[in-house]
Amino acid sequence: MKYISQYTKFIPYFYFISIVAYWFTDINKTEGLTAYPILLLGIPFLWQIIKPNRQLNFVLGITFVCVSSYLILVYLFNMLNMLSISPSIKVFMVYGGVFILLNFIMALWIIRNSIHKSF
């Protein structure tokens, strides 16, 4: 049990690295070389796994909480039909609801990791 609890703090970083990897492979199929800058988004999360830094951790957490909060508001406004969005984006929003919620939870987990004394 100690082994599992020792490595659970890295789950949000692996989550965001997997999202970046999925996004890269999806864009790379259609765009080719222009997808490679997407891989740069995974560097801070990989750095947090290799050599944790409390300040970078807090900045990542706050940034993604803000982005996720904005996405949650857009999602709620769309569900309440307060915004007019094209039908193709509405389909994406239905599937993206779980993704948006997971992003918010993982960002809160990153902030929790930065607040704890032992990282």
PDB file of N, CA and C in Angstrom:
ATOM      1  N   MET A   1       0.825  -1.190   0.000  1.00  0.00           N
ATOM      2  CA  MET A   1       0.000   0.000   0.000  1.00  0.00           C
ATOM      3  C   MET A   1       0.866   1.248   0.000  1.00  0.00           C
ATOM      4  N   LYS A   2       1.986   1.208   0.683  1.00  0.00           N
ATOM      5  CA  LYS A   2       2.878   2.358   0.728  1.00  0.00           C
ATOM      6  C   LYS A   2       3.429   2.669  -0.663  1.00  0.00           C
ATOM      7  N   TYR A   3       3.698   1.616  -1.422  1.00  0.00           N
ATOM      8  CA  TYR A   3       4.216   1.771  -2.774  1.00  0.00           C
ATOM      9  C   TYR A   3       3.217   2.510  -3.663  1.00  0.00           C
ATOM     10  N   ILE A   4       1.932   2.152  -3.545  1.00  0.00           N
ATOM     11  CA  ILE A   4       0.884   2.789  -4.346  1.00  0.00           C
ATOM     12  C   ILE A   4       0.704   4.240  -3.934  1.00  0.00           C
ATOM     13  N   SER A   5       0.642   4.504  -2.646  1.00  0.00           N
ATOM     14  CA  SER A   5       0.426   5.880  -2.193  1.00  0.00           C
ATOM     15  C   SER A   5       1.626   6.773  -2.491  1.00  0.00           C
ATOM     16  N   GLN A   6       2.782   6.194  -2.672  1.00  0.00           N
ATOM     17  CA  GLN A   6       3.972   6.980  -2.993  1.00  0.00           C
ATOM     18  C   GLN A   6       3.910   7.525  -4.418  1.00  0.00           C
ATOM     19  N   TYR A   7       3.268   6.807  -5.328  1.00  0.00           N
ATOM     20  CA  TYR A   7       3.250   7.198  -6.729  1.00  0.00           C
ATOM     21  C   TYR A   7       1.918   7.777  -7.202  1.00  0.00           C
ATOM     22  N   THR A   8       0.924   7.868  -6.342  1.00  0.00           N
ATOM     23  CA  THR A   8      -0.359   8.427  -6.768  1.00  0.00           C
ATOM     24  C   THR A   8      -0.274   9.921  -7.050  1.00  0.00           C
ATOM     25  N   LYS A   9       0.721  10.602  -6.522  1.00  0.00           N
ATOM     26  CA  LYS A   9       0.858  12.041  -6.766  1.00  0.00           C
ATOM     27  C   LYS A   9       1.238  12.342  -8.213  1.00  0.00           C
ATOM     28  N   PHE A  10       1.686  11.340  -8.956  1.00  0.00           N
ATOM     29  CA  PHE A  10       2.078  11.543 -10.343  1.00  0.00           C
ATOM     30  C   PHE A  10       0.944  11.293 -11.337  1.00  0.00           C
ATOM     31  N   ILE A  11      -0.205  10.868 -10.880  1.00  0.00           N
ATOM     32  CA  ILE A  11      -1.327  10.559 -11.770  1.00  0.00           C
ATOM     33  C   ILE A  11      -1.748  11.752 -12.615  1.00  0.00           C
ATOM     34  N   PRO A  12      -1.894  12.969 -12.054  1.00  0.00           N
ATOM     35  CA  PRO A  12      -2.311  14.083 -12.920  1.00  0.00           C
ATOM     36  C   PRO A  12      -1.307  14.396 -14.027  1.00  0.00           C
ATOM     37  N   TYR A  13      -0.032  14.234 -13.759  1.00  0.00           N
ATOM     38  CA  TYR A  13       0.980  14.529 -14.765  1.00  0.00           C
ATOM     39  C   TYR A  13       0.929  13.510 -15.891  1.00  0.00           C
ATOM     40  N   PHE A  14       0.763  12.230 -15.545  1.00  0.00           N
ATOM     41  CA  PHE A  14       0.610  11.206 -16.566  1.00  0.00           C
ATOM     42  C   PHE A  14      -0.663  11.421 -17.376  1.00  0.00           C
ATOM     43  N   TYR A  15      -1.715  11.910 -16.717  1.00  0.00           N
ATOM     44  CA  TYR A  15      -2.968  12.202 -17.416  1.00  0.00           C
ATOM     45  C   TYR A  15      -2.743  13.272 -18.475  1.00  0.00           C
ATOM     46  N   PHE A  16      -2.129  14.392 -18.084  1.00  0.00           N
ATOM     47  CA  PHE A  16      -1.926  15.465 -19.047  1.00  0.00           C
ATOM     48  C   PHE A  16      -0.921  15.081 -20.126  1.00  0.00           C
ATOM     49  N   ILE A  17       0.088  14.270 -19.806  1.00  0.00           N
ATOM     50  CA  ILE A  17       1.022  13.782 -20.824  1.00  0.00           C
ATOM     51  C   ILE A  17       0.284  12.885 -21.820  1.00  0.00           C
ATOM     52  N   SER A  18      -0.628  12.052 -21.333  1.00  0.00           N
ATOM     53  CA  SER A  18      -1.380  11.187 -22.242  1.00  0.00           C
ATOM     54  C   SER A  18      -2.324  11.995 -23.128  1.00  0.00           C
ATOM     55  N   ILE A  19      -2.884  13.079 -22.600  1.00  0.00           N
ATOM     56  CA  ILE A  19      -3.735  13.954 -23.414  1.00  0.00           C
ATOM     57  C   ILE A  19      -2.916  14.615 -24.511  1.00  0.00           C
ATOM     58  N   VAL A  20      -1.715  15.095 -24.161  1.00  0.00           N
ATOM     59  CA  VAL A  20      -0.838  15.717 -25.160  1.00  0.00           C
ATOM     60  C   VAL A  20      -0.436  14.694 -26.220  1.00  0.00           C
ATOM     61  N   ALA A  21      -0.132  13.470 -25.808  1.00  0.00           N
ATOM     62  CA  ALA A  21       0.247  12.424 -26.762  1.00  0.00           C
ATOM     63  C   ALA A  21      -0.913  12.068 -27.694  1.00  0.00           C
ATOM     64  N   TYR A  22      -2.122  11.989 -27.138  1.00  0.00           N
ATOM     65  CA  TYR A  22      -3.286  11.703 -27.972  1.00  0.00           C
ATOM     66  C   TYR A  22      -3.539  12.837 -28.953  1.00  0.00           C
ATOM     67  N   TRP A  23      -3.469  14.065 -28.467  1.00  0.00           N
ATOM     68  CA  TRP A  23      -3.695  15.236 -29.311  1.00  0.00           C
ATOM     69  C   TRP A  23      -2.652  15.278 -30.435  1.00  0.00           C
ATOM     70  N   PHE A  24      -1.396  14.985 -30.087  1.00  0.00           N
ATOM     71  CA  PHE A  24      -0.334  14.974 -31.095  1.00  0.00           C
ATOM     72  C   PHE A  24      -0.599  13.924 -32.165  1.00  0.00           C
ATOM     73  N   THR A  25      -0.929  12.703 -31.761  1.00  0.00           N
ATOM     74  CA  THR A  25      -1.137  11.647 -32.758  1.00  0.00           C
ATOM     75  C   THR A  25      -2.351  11.933 -33.632  1.00  0.00           C
ATOM     76  N   ASP A  26      -3.385  12.520 -33.050  1.00  0.00           N
ATOM     77  CA  ASP A  26      -4.586  12.849 -33.810  1.00  0.00           C
ATOM     78  C   ASP A  26      -4.291  13.935 -34.852  1.00  0.00           C
ATOM     79  N   ILE A  27      -3.583  14.979 -34.458  1.00  0.00           N
ATOM     80  CA  ILE A  27      -3.250  16.068 -35.379  1.00  0.00           C
ATOM     81  C   ILE A  27      -2.198  15.611 -36.386  1.00  0.00           C
ATOM     82  N   ASN A  28      -1.273  14.771 -35.967  1.00  0.00           N
ATOM     83  CA  ASN A  28      -0.193  14.320 -36.843  1.00  0.00           C
ATOM     84  C   ASN A  28      -0.721  13.500 -38.020  1.00  0.00           C
ATOM     85  N   LYS A  29      -1.843  12.818 -37.830  1.00  0.00           N
ATOM     86  CA  LYS A  29      -2.419  12.028 -38.922  1.00  0.00           C
ATOM     87  C   LYS A  29      -2.848  12.910 -40.086  1.00  0.00           C
ATOM     88  N   THR A  30      -3.327  14.103 -39.787  1.00  0.00           N
ATOM     89  CA  THR A  30      -3.851  14.975 -40.843  1.00  0.00           C
ATOM     90  C   THR A  30      -2.899  16.100 -41.227  1.00  0.00           C
ATOM     91  N   GLU A  31      -2.174  16.644 -40.269  1.00  0.00           N
ATOM     92  CA  GLU A  31      -1.368  17.831 -40.532  1.00  0.00           C
ATOM     93  C   GLU A  31       0.104  17.541 -40.785  1.00  0.00           C
ATOM     94  N   GLY A  32       0.629  16.455 -40.265  1.00  0.00           N
ATOM     95  CA  GLY A  32       2.032  16.129 -40.476  1.00  0.00           C
ATOM     96  C   GLY A  32       2.956  16.880 -39.542  1.00  0.00           C
ATOM     97  N   LEU A  33       3.957  17.550 -40.093  1.00  0.00           N
ATOM     98  CA  LEU A  33       4.996  18.201 -39.294  1.00  0.00           C
ATOM     99  C   LEU A  33       4.492  19.339 -38.414  1.00  0.00           C
ATOM    100  N   THR A  34       3.387  19.939 -38.754  1.00  0.00           N
ATOM    101  CA  THR A  34       2.896  21.056 -37.943  1.00  0.00           C
ATOM    102  C   THR A  34       2.383  20.608 -36.582  1.00  0.00           C
ATOM    103  N   ALA A  35       2.263  19.314 -36.353  1.00  0.00           N
ATOM    104  CA  ALA A  35       1.780  18.805 -35.070  1.00  0.00           C
ATOM    105  C   ALA A  35       2.879  18.717 -34.021  1.00  0.00           C
ATOM    106  N   TYR A  36       4.129  18.796 -34.425  1.00  0.00           N
ATOM    107  CA  TYR A  36       5.228  18.605 -33.477  1.00  0.00           C
ATOM    108  C   TYR A  36       5.324  19.665 -32.381  1.00  0.00           C
ATOM    109  N   PRO A  37       4.945  20.913 -32.603  1.00  0.00           N
ATOM    110  CA  PRO A  37       4.954  21.870 -31.479  1.00  0.00           C
ATOM    111  C   PRO A  37       4.004  21.495 -30.339  1.00  0.00           C
ATOM    112  N   ILE A  38       3.029  20.661 -30.615  1.00  0.00           N
ATOM    113  CA  ILE A  38       2.108  20.204 -29.565  1.00  0.00           C
ATOM    114  C   ILE A  38       2.868  19.425 -28.500  1.00  0.00           C
ATOM    115  N   LEU A  39       3.912  18.719 -28.898  1.00  0.00           N
ATOM    116  CA  LEU A  39       4.701  17.945 -27.940  1.00  0.00           C
ATOM    117  C   LEU A  39       5.360  18.832 -26.893  1.00  0.00           C
ATOM    118  N   LEU A  40       5.576  20.099 -27.203  1.00  0.00           N
ATOM    119  CA  LEU A  40       6.170  21.023 -26.238  1.00  0.00           C
ATOM    120  C   LEU A  40       5.277  21.235 -25.021  1.00  0.00           C
ATOM    121  N   LEU A  41       3.970  21.032 -25.189  1.00  0.00           N
ATOM    122  CA  LEU A  41       3.045  21.194 -24.066  1.00  0.00           C
ATOM    123  C   LEU A  41       3.258  20.140 -22.983  1.00  0.00           C
ATOM    124  N   GLY A  42       3.831  19.009 -23.332  1.00  0.00           N
ATOM    125  CA  GLY A  42       4.047  17.944 -22.363  1.00  0.00           C
ATOM    126  C   GLY A  42       5.318  18.085 -21.547  1.00  0.00           C
ATOM    127  N   ILE A  43       6.214  18.984 -21.955  1.00  0.00           N
ATOM    128  CA  ILE A  43       7.500  19.127 -21.271  1.00  0.00           C
ATOM    129  C   ILE A  43       7.354  19.523 -19.800  1.00  0.00           C
ATOM    130  N   PRO A  44       6.518  20.513 -19.441  1.00  0.00           N
ATOM    131  CA  PRO A  44       6.414  20.849 -18.011  1.00  0.00           C
ATOM    132  C   PRO A  44       5.903  19.694 -17.146  1.00  0.00           C
ATOM    133  N   PHE A  45       4.997  18.898 -17.687  1.00  0.00           N
ATOM    134  CA  PHE A  45       4.466  17.773 -16.924  1.00  0.00           C
ATOM    135  C   PHE A  45       5.510  16.674 -16.779  1.00  0.00           C
ATOM    136  N   LEU A  46       6.271  16.448 -17.832  1.00  0.00           N
ATOM    137  CA  LEU A  46       7.355  15.478 -17.758  1.00  0.00           C
ATOM    138  C   LEU A  46       8.425  15.945 -16.780  1.00  0.00           C
ATOM    139  N   TRP A  47       8.690  17.242 -16.770  1.00  0.00           N
ATOM    140  CA  TRP A  47       9.672  17.803 -15.840  1.00  0.00           C
ATOM    141  C   TRP A  47       9.221  17.615 -14.395  1.00  0.00           C
ATOM    142  N   GLN A  48       7.938  17.737 -14.140  1.00  0.00           N
ATOM    143  CA  GLN A  48       7.415  17.553 -12.784  1.00  0.00           C
ATOM    144  C   GLN A  48       7.574  16.116 -12.310  1.00  0.00           C
ATOM    145  N   ILE A  49       7.577  15.164 -13.215  1.00  0.00           N
ATOM    146  CA  ILE A  49       7.774  13.767 -12.837  1.00  0.00           C
ATOM    147  C   ILE A  49       9.249  13.503 -12.563  1.00  0.00           C
ATOM    148  N   ILE A  50      10.121  14.056 -13.418  1.00  0.00           N
ATOM    149  CA  ILE A  50      11.551  13.809 -13.283  1.00  0.00           C
ATOM    150  C   ILE A  50      12.145  14.574 -12.110  1.00  0.00           C
ATOM    151  N   LYS A  51      11.901  15.870 -12.059  1.00  0.00           N
ATOM    152  CA  LYS A  51      12.469  16.713 -11.013  1.00  0.00           C
ATOM    153  C   LYS A  51      11.395  17.704 -10.549  1.00  0.00           C
ATOM    154  N   PRO A  52      10.610  17.338  -9.542  1.00  0.00           N
ATOM    155  CA  PRO A  52       9.498  18.178  -9.100  1.00  0.00           C
ATOM    156  C   PRO A  52       9.953  19.555  -8.613  1.00  0.00           C
ATOM    157  N   ASN A  53       9.157  20.552  -8.981  1.00  0.00           N
ATOM    158  CA  ASN A  53       9.389  21.924  -8.579  1.00  0.00           C
ATOM    159  C   ASN A  53       8.060  22.487  -8.074  1.00  0.00           C
ATOM    160  N   ARG A  54       8.017  22.950  -6.849  1.00  0.00           N
ATOM    161  CA  ARG A  54       6.775  23.395  -6.235  1.00  0.00           C
ATOM    162  C   ARG A  54       6.179  24.604  -6.955  1.00  0.00           C
ATOM    163  N   GLN A  55       7.018  25.539  -7.399  1.00  0.00           N
ATOM    164  CA  GLN A  55       6.515  26.740  -8.067  1.00  0.00           C
ATOM    165  C   GLN A  55       5.925  26.409  -9.434  1.00  0.00           C
ATOM    166  N   LEU A  56       6.629  25.597 -10.210  1.00  0.00           N
ATOM    167  CA  LEU A  56       6.096  25.175 -11.506  1.00  0.00           C
ATOM    168  C   LEU A  56       4.811  24.387 -11.313  1.00  0.00           C
ATOM    169  N   ASN A  57       4.765  23.579 -10.291  1.00  0.00           N
ATOM    170  CA  ASN A  57       3.583  22.790  -9.990  1.00  0.00           C
ATOM    171  C   ASN A  57       2.383  23.696  -9.718  1.00  0.00           C
ATOM    172  N   PHE A  58       2.601  24.731  -8.921  1.00  0.00           N
ATOM    173  CA  PHE A  58       1.512  25.645  -8.581  1.00  0.00           C
ATOM    174  C   PHE A  58       1.050  26.420  -9.818  1.00  0.00           C
ATOM    175  N   VAL A  59       1.988  26.854 -10.653  1.00  0.00           N
ATOM    176  CA  VAL A  59       1.634  27.586 -11.876  1.00  0.00           C
ATOM    177  C   VAL A  59       0.841  26.681 -12.819  1.00  0.00           C
ATOM    178  N   LEU A  60       1.271  25.442 -12.988  1.00  0.00           N
ATOM    179  CA  LEU A  60       0.525  24.505 -13.826  1.00  0.00           C
ATOM    180  C   LEU A  60      -0.882  24.278 -13.278  1.00  0.00           C
ATOM    181  N   GLY A  61      -0.985  24.105 -11.972  1.00  0.00           N
ATOM    182  CA  GLY A  61      -2.284  23.865 -11.364  1.00  0.00           C
ATOM    183  C   GLY A  61      -3.233  25.037 -11.542  1.00  0.00           C
ATOM    184  N   ILE A  62      -2.757  26.248 -11.252  1.00  0.00           N
ATOM    185  CA  ILE A  62      -3.609  27.435 -11.385  1.00  0.00           C
ATOM    186  C   ILE A  62      -4.004  27.663 -12.837  1.00  0.00           C
ATOM    187  N   THR A  63      -3.060  27.491 -13.753  1.00  0.00           N
ATOM    188  CA  THR A  63      -3.356  27.682 -15.173  1.00  0.00           C
ATOM    189  C   THR A  63      -4.437  26.731 -15.650  1.00  0.00           C
ATOM    190  N   PHE A  64      -4.308  25.462 -15.304  1.00  0.00           N
ATOM    191  CA  PHE A  64      -5.285  24.501 -15.782  1.00  0.00           C
ATOM    192  C   PHE A  64      -6.602  24.558 -15.016  1.00  0.00           C
ATOM    193  N   VAL A  65      -6.605  25.051 -13.791  1.00  0.00           N
ATOM    194  CA  VAL A  65      -7.875  25.290 -13.104  1.00  0.00           C
ATOM    195  C   VAL A  65      -8.629  26.421 -13.800  1.00  0.00           C
ATOM    196  N   CYS A  66      -7.915  27.464 -14.183  1.00  0.00           N
ATOM    197  CA  CYS A  66      -8.560  28.578 -14.893  1.00  0.00           C
ATOM    198  C   CYS A  66      -9.106  28.131 -16.246  1.00  0.00           C
ATOM    199  N   VAL A  67      -8.302  27.403 -17.012  1.00  0.00           N
ATOM    200  CA  VAL A  67      -8.746  26.920 -18.320  1.00  0.00           C
ATOM    201  C   VAL A  67      -9.926  25.962 -18.158  1.00  0.00           C
ATOM    202  N   SER A  68      -9.846  25.067 -17.194  1.00  0.00           N
ATOM    203  CA  SER A  68     -10.932  24.106 -16.969  1.00  0.00           C
ATOM    204  C   SER A  68     -12.194  24.802 -16.477  1.00  0.00           C
ATOM    205  N   SER A  69     -12.052  25.821 -15.657  1.00  0.00           N
ATOM    206  CA  SER A  69     -13.226  26.565 -15.196  1.00  0.00           C
ATOM    207  C   SER A  69     -13.914  27.251 -16.358  1.00  0.00           C
ATOM    208  N   TYR A  70     -13.112  27.828 -17.239  1.00  0.00           N
ATOM    209  CA  TYR A  70     -13.677  28.461 -18.426  1.00  0.00           C
ATOM    210  C   TYR A  70     -14.398  27.418 -19.283  1.00  0.00           C
ATOM    211  N   LEU A  71     -13.807  26.254 -19.470  1.00  0.00           N
ATOM    212  CA  LEU A  71     -14.440  25.204 -20.262  1.00  0.00           C
ATOM    213  C   LEU A  71     -15.724  24.703 -19.610  1.00  0.00           C
ATOM    214  N   ILE A  72     -15.739  24.636 -18.296  1.00  0.00           N
ATOM    215  CA  ILE A  72     -16.959  24.214 -17.591  1.00  0.00           C
ATOM    216  C   ILE A  72     -18.072  25.234 -17.796  1.00  0.00           C
ATOM    217  N   LEU A  73     -17.733  26.528 -17.711  1.00  0.00           N
ATOM    218  CA  LEU A  73     -18.742  27.568 -17.955  1.00  0.00           C
ATOM    219  C   LEU A  73     -19.285  27.505 -19.376  1.00  0.00           C
ATOM    220  N   VAL A  74     -18.421  27.347 -20.360  1.00  0.00           N
ATOM    221  CA  VAL A  74     -18.866  27.226 -21.747  1.00  0.00           C
ATOM    222  C   VAL A  74     -19.742  25.999 -21.914  1.00  0.00           C
ATOM    223  N   TYR A  75     -19.357  24.906 -21.289  1.00  0.00           N
ATOM    224  CA  TYR A  75     -20.142  23.680 -21.374  1.00  0.00           C
ATOM    225  C   TYR A  75     -21.527  23.878 -20.757  1.00  0.00           C
ATOM    226  N   LEU A  76     -21.586  24.516 -19.597  1.00  0.00           N
ATOM    227  CA  LEU A  76     -22.882  24.745 -18.952  1.00  0.00           C
ATOM    228  C   LEU A  76     -23.754  25.701 -19.762  1.00  0.00           C
ATOM    229  N   PHE A  77     -23.162  26.774 -20.293  1.00  0.00           N
ATOM    230  CA  PHE A  77     -23.933  27.702 -21.117  1.00  0.00           C
ATOM    231  C   PHE A  77     -24.451  27.008 -22.376  1.00  0.00           C
ATOM    232  N   ASN A  78     -23.664  26.125 -22.923  1.00  0.00           N
ATOM    233  CA  ASN A  78     -24.114  25.388 -24.096  1.00  0.00           C
ATOM    234  C   ASN A  78     -25.271  24.459 -23.736  1.00  0.00           C
ATOM    235  N   MET A  79     -25.183  23.802 -22.608  1.00  0.00           N
ATOM    236  CA  MET A  79     -26.257  22.905 -22.205  1.00  0.00           C
ATOM    237  C   MET A  79     -27.543  23.670 -21.882  1.00  0.00           C
ATOM    238  N   LEU A  80     -27.404  24.895 -21.437  1.00  0.00           N
ATOM    239  CA  LEU A  80     -28.577  25.719 -21.147  1.00  0.00           C
ATOM    240  C   LEU A  80     -29.043  26.509 -22.372  1.00  0.00           C
ATOM    241  N   ASN A  81     -28.407  26.269 -23.515  1.00  0.00           N
ATOM    242  CA  ASN A  81     -28.717  26.928 -24.780  1.00  0.00           C
ATOM    243  C   ASN A  81     -28.625  28.447 -24.692  1.00  0.00           C
ATOM    244  N   MET A  82     -27.689  28.941 -23.907  1.00  0.00           N
ATOM    245  CA  MET A  82     -27.466  30.380 -23.813  1.00  0.00           C
ATOM    246  C   MET A  82     -26.548  30.877 -24.926  1.00  0.00           C
ATOM    247  N   LEU A  83     -25.765  29.996 -25.484  1.00  0.00           N
ATOM    248  CA  LEU A  83     -24.884  30.337 -26.593  1.00  0.00           C
ATOM    249  C   LEU A  83     -25.326  29.569 -27.823  1.00  0.00           C
ATOM    250  N   SER A  84     -25.212  30.206 -28.971  1.00  0.00           N
ATOM    251  CA  SER A  84     -25.540  29.479 -30.196  1.00  0.00           C
ATOM    252  C   SER A  84     -24.242  28.952 -30.804  1.00  0.00           C
ATOM    253  N   ILE A  85     -24.150  27.641 -30.851  1.00  0.00           N
ATOM    254  CA  ILE A  85     -22.962  26.964 -31.347  1.00  0.00           C
ATOM    255  C   ILE A  85     -23.401  26.002 -32.432  1.00  0.00           C
ATOM    256  N   SER A  86     -22.543  25.770 -33.401  1.00  0.00           N
ATOM    257  CA  SER A  86     -22.878  24.886 -34.520  1.00  0.00           C
ATOM    258  C   SER A  86     -23.121  23.458 -34.020  1.00  0.00           C
ATOM    259  N   PRO A  87     -23.910  22.689 -34.760  1.00  0.00           N
ATOM    260  CA  PRO A  87     -24.227  21.316 -34.337  1.00  0.00           C
ATOM    261  C   PRO A  87     -23.009  20.404 -34.209  1.00  0.00           C
ATOM    262  N   SER A  88     -22.008  20.592 -35.053  1.00  0.00           N
ATOM    263  CA  SER A  88     -20.822  19.730 -34.949  1.00  0.00           C
ATOM    264  C   SER A  88     -20.070  19.991 -33.652  1.00  0.00           C
ATOM    265  N   ILE A  89     -20.055  21.225 -33.198  1.00  0.00           N
ATOM    266  CA  ILE A  89     -19.400  21.550 -31.938  1.00  0.00           C
ATOM    267  C   ILE A  89     -20.239  21.035 -30.768  1.00  0.00           C
ATOM    268  N   LYS A  90     -21.555  21.006 -30.917  1.00  0.00           N
ATOM    269  CA  LYS A  90     -22.409  20.470 -29.861  1.00  0.00           C
ATOM    270  C   LYS A  90     -22.144  18.984 -29.634  1.00  0.00           C
ATOM    271  N   VAL A  91     -21.903  18.238 -30.693  1.00  0.00           N
ATOM    272  CA  VAL A  91     -21.571  16.814 -30.556  1.00  0.00           C
ATOM    273  C   VAL A  91     -20.255  16.668 -29.809  1.00  0.00           C
ATOM    274  N   PHE A  92     -19.285  17.500 -30.154  1.00  0.00           N
ATOM    275  CA  PHE A  92     -17.997  17.488 -29.466  1.00  0.00           C
ATOM    276  C   PHE A  92     -18.171  17.835 -27.991  1.00  0.00           C
ATOM    277  N   MET A  93     -19.049  18.764 -27.682  1.00  0.00           N
ATOM    278  CA  MET A  93     -19.276  19.178 -26.298  1.00  0.00           C
ATOM    279  C   MET A  93     -19.890  18.057 -25.469  1.00  0.00           C
ATOM    280  N   VAL A  94     -20.745  17.260 -26.052  1.00  0.00           N
ATOM    281  CA  VAL A  94     -21.348  16.150 -25.313  1.00  0.00           C
ATOM    282  C   VAL A  94     -20.273  15.141 -24.921  1.00  0.00           C
ATOM    283  N   TYR A  95     -19.407  14.802 -25.864  1.00  0.00           N
ATOM    284  CA  TYR A  95     -18.329  13.856 -25.561  1.00  0.00           C
ATOM    285  C   TYR A  95     -17.242  14.483 -24.701  1.00  0.00           C
ATOM    286  N   GLY A  96     -17.116  15.783 -24.788  1.00  0.00           N
ATOM    287  CA  GLY A  96     -16.071  16.471 -24.031  1.00  0.00           C
ATOM    288  C   GLY A  96     -16.426  16.759 -22.583  1.00  0.00           C
ATOM    289  N   GLY A  97     -17.663  16.504 -22.173  1.00  0.00           N
ATOM    290  CA  GLY A  97     -18.073  16.790 -20.800  1.00  0.00           C
ATOM    291  C   GLY A  97     -17.249  16.053 -19.760  1.00  0.00           C
ATOM    292  N   VAL A  98     -17.025  14.782 -19.990  1.00  0.00           N
ATOM    293  CA  VAL A  98     -16.212  13.985 -19.064  1.00  0.00           C
ATOM    294  C   VAL A  98     -14.763  14.463 -19.095  1.00  0.00           C
ATOM    295  N   PHE A  99     -14.273  14.764 -20.281  1.00  0.00           N
ATOM    296  CA  PHE A  99     -12.915  15.263 -20.435  1.00  0.00           C
ATOM    297  C   PHE A  99     -12.721  16.575 -19.670  1.00  0.00           C
ATOM    298  N   ILE A 100     -13.677  17.471 -19.753  1.00  0.00           N
ATOM    299  CA  ILE A 100     -13.599  18.765 -19.064  1.00  0.00           C
ATOM    300  C   ILE A 100     -13.588  18.558 -17.557  1.00  0.00           C
ATOM    301  N   LEU A 101     -14.443  17.692 -17.067  1.00  0.00           N
ATOM    302  CA  LEU A 101     -14.503  17.418 -15.632  1.00  0.00           C
ATOM    303  C   LEU A 101     -13.207  16.784 -15.136  1.00  0.00           C
ATOM    304  N   LEU A 102     -12.648  15.845 -15.899  1.00  0.00           N
ATOM    305  CA  LEU A 102     -11.383  15.224 -15.511  1.00  0.00           C
ATOM    306  C   LEU A 102     -10.236  16.232 -15.510  1.00  0.00           C
ATOM    307  N   ASN A 103     -10.230  17.145 -16.478  1.00  0.00           N
ATOM    308  CA  ASN A 103      -9.198  18.187 -16.486  1.00  0.00           C
ATOM    309  C   ASN A 103      -9.266  19.031 -15.221  1.00  0.00           C
ATOM    310  N   PHE A 104     -10.457  19.381 -14.807  1.00  0.00           N
ATOM    311  CA  PHE A 104     -10.626  20.192 -13.605  1.00  0.00           C
ATOM    312  C   PHE A 104     -10.156  19.434 -12.371  1.00  0.00           C
ATOM    313  N   ILE A 105     -10.535  18.172 -12.269  1.00  0.00           N
ATOM    314  CA  ILE A 105     -10.137  17.362 -11.114  1.00  0.00           C
ATOM    315  C   ILE A 105      -8.627  17.189 -11.072  1.00  0.00           C
ATOM    316  N   MET A 106      -8.013  16.922 -12.216  1.00  0.00           N
ATOM    317  CA  MET A 106      -6.561  16.741 -12.251  1.00  0.00           C
ATOM    318  C   MET A 106      -5.826  18.047 -11.934  1.00  0.00           C
ATOM    319  N   ALA A 107      -6.365  19.171 -12.376  1.00  0.00           N
ATOM    320  CA  ALA A 107      -5.743  20.455 -12.057  1.00  0.00           C
ATOM    321  C   ALA A 107      -5.834  20.741 -10.556  1.00  0.00           C
ATOM    322  N   LEU A 108      -6.960  20.414  -9.947  1.00  0.00           N
ATOM    323  CA  LEU A 108      -7.074  20.565  -8.493  1.00  0.00           C
ATOM    324  C   LEU A 108      -6.112  19.643  -7.768  1.00  0.00           C
ATOM    325  N   TRP A 109      -5.906  18.461  -8.299  1.00  0.00           N
ATOM    326  CA  TRP A 109      -4.969  17.504  -7.715  1.00  0.00           C
ATOM    327  C   TRP A 109      -3.535  18.048  -7.791  1.00  0.00           C
ATOM    328  N   ILE A 110      -3.203  18.716  -8.899  1.00  0.00           N
ATOM    329  CA  ILE A 110      -1.872  19.315  -9.024  1.00  0.00           C
ATOM    330  C   ILE A 110      -1.686  20.409  -7.986  1.00  0.00           C
ATOM    331  N   ILE A 111      -2.713  21.237  -7.773  1.00  0.00           N
ATOM    332  CA  ILE A 111      -2.626  22.289  -6.741  1.00  0.00           C
ATOM    333  C   ILE A 111      -2.490  21.651  -5.369  1.00  0.00           C
ATOM    334  N   ARG A 112      -3.225  20.585  -5.133  1.00  0.00           N
ATOM    335  CA  ARG A 112      -3.120  19.868  -3.849  1.00  0.00           C
ATOM    336  C   ARG A 112      -1.703  19.359  -3.638  1.00  0.00           C
ATOM    337  N   ASN A 113      -1.078  18.842  -4.701  1.00  0.00           N
ATOM    338  CA  ASN A 113       0.294  18.377  -4.607  1.00  0.00           C
ATOM    339  C   ASN A 113       1.256  19.513  -4.277  1.00  0.00           C
ATOM    340  N   SER A 114       1.006  20.695  -4.808  1.00  0.00           N
ATOM    341  CA  SER A 114       1.918  21.807  -4.555  1.00  0.00           C
ATOM    342  C   SER A 114       1.741  22.397  -3.152  1.00  0.00           C
ATOM    343  N   ILE A 115       0.581  22.203  -2.559  1.00  0.00           N
ATOM    344  CA  ILE A 115       0.333  22.725  -1.215  1.00  0.00           C
ATOM    345  C   ILE A 115       0.932  21.814  -0.158  1.00  0.00           C
ATOM    346  N   HIS A 116       0.948  20.511  -0.386  1.00  0.00           N
ATOM    347  CA  HIS A 116       1.506  19.584   0.582  1.00  0.00           C
ATOM    348  C   HIS A 116       2.985  19.845   0.795  1.00  0.00           C
ATOM    349  N   LYS A 117       3.420  19.631   2.000  1.00  0.00           N
ATOM    350  CA  LYS A 117       4.823  19.891   2.357  1.00  0.00           C
ATOM    351  C   LYS A 117       5.778  18.964   1.613  1.00  0.00           C
ATOM    352  N   SER A 118       5.464  17.678   1.564  1.00  0.00           N
ATOM    353  CA  SER A 118       6.387  16.728   0.945  1.00  0.00           C
ATOM    354  C   SER A 118       5.936  16.426  -0.472  1.00  0.00           C
ATOM    355  N   PHE A 119       6.703  16.856  -1.434  1.00  0.00           N
ATOM    356  CA  PHE A 119       6.420  16.558  -2.821  1.00  0.00           C
ATOM    357  C   PHE A 119       7.568  15.831  -3.386  1.00  0.00           C
TER     358      PHE A 119
END
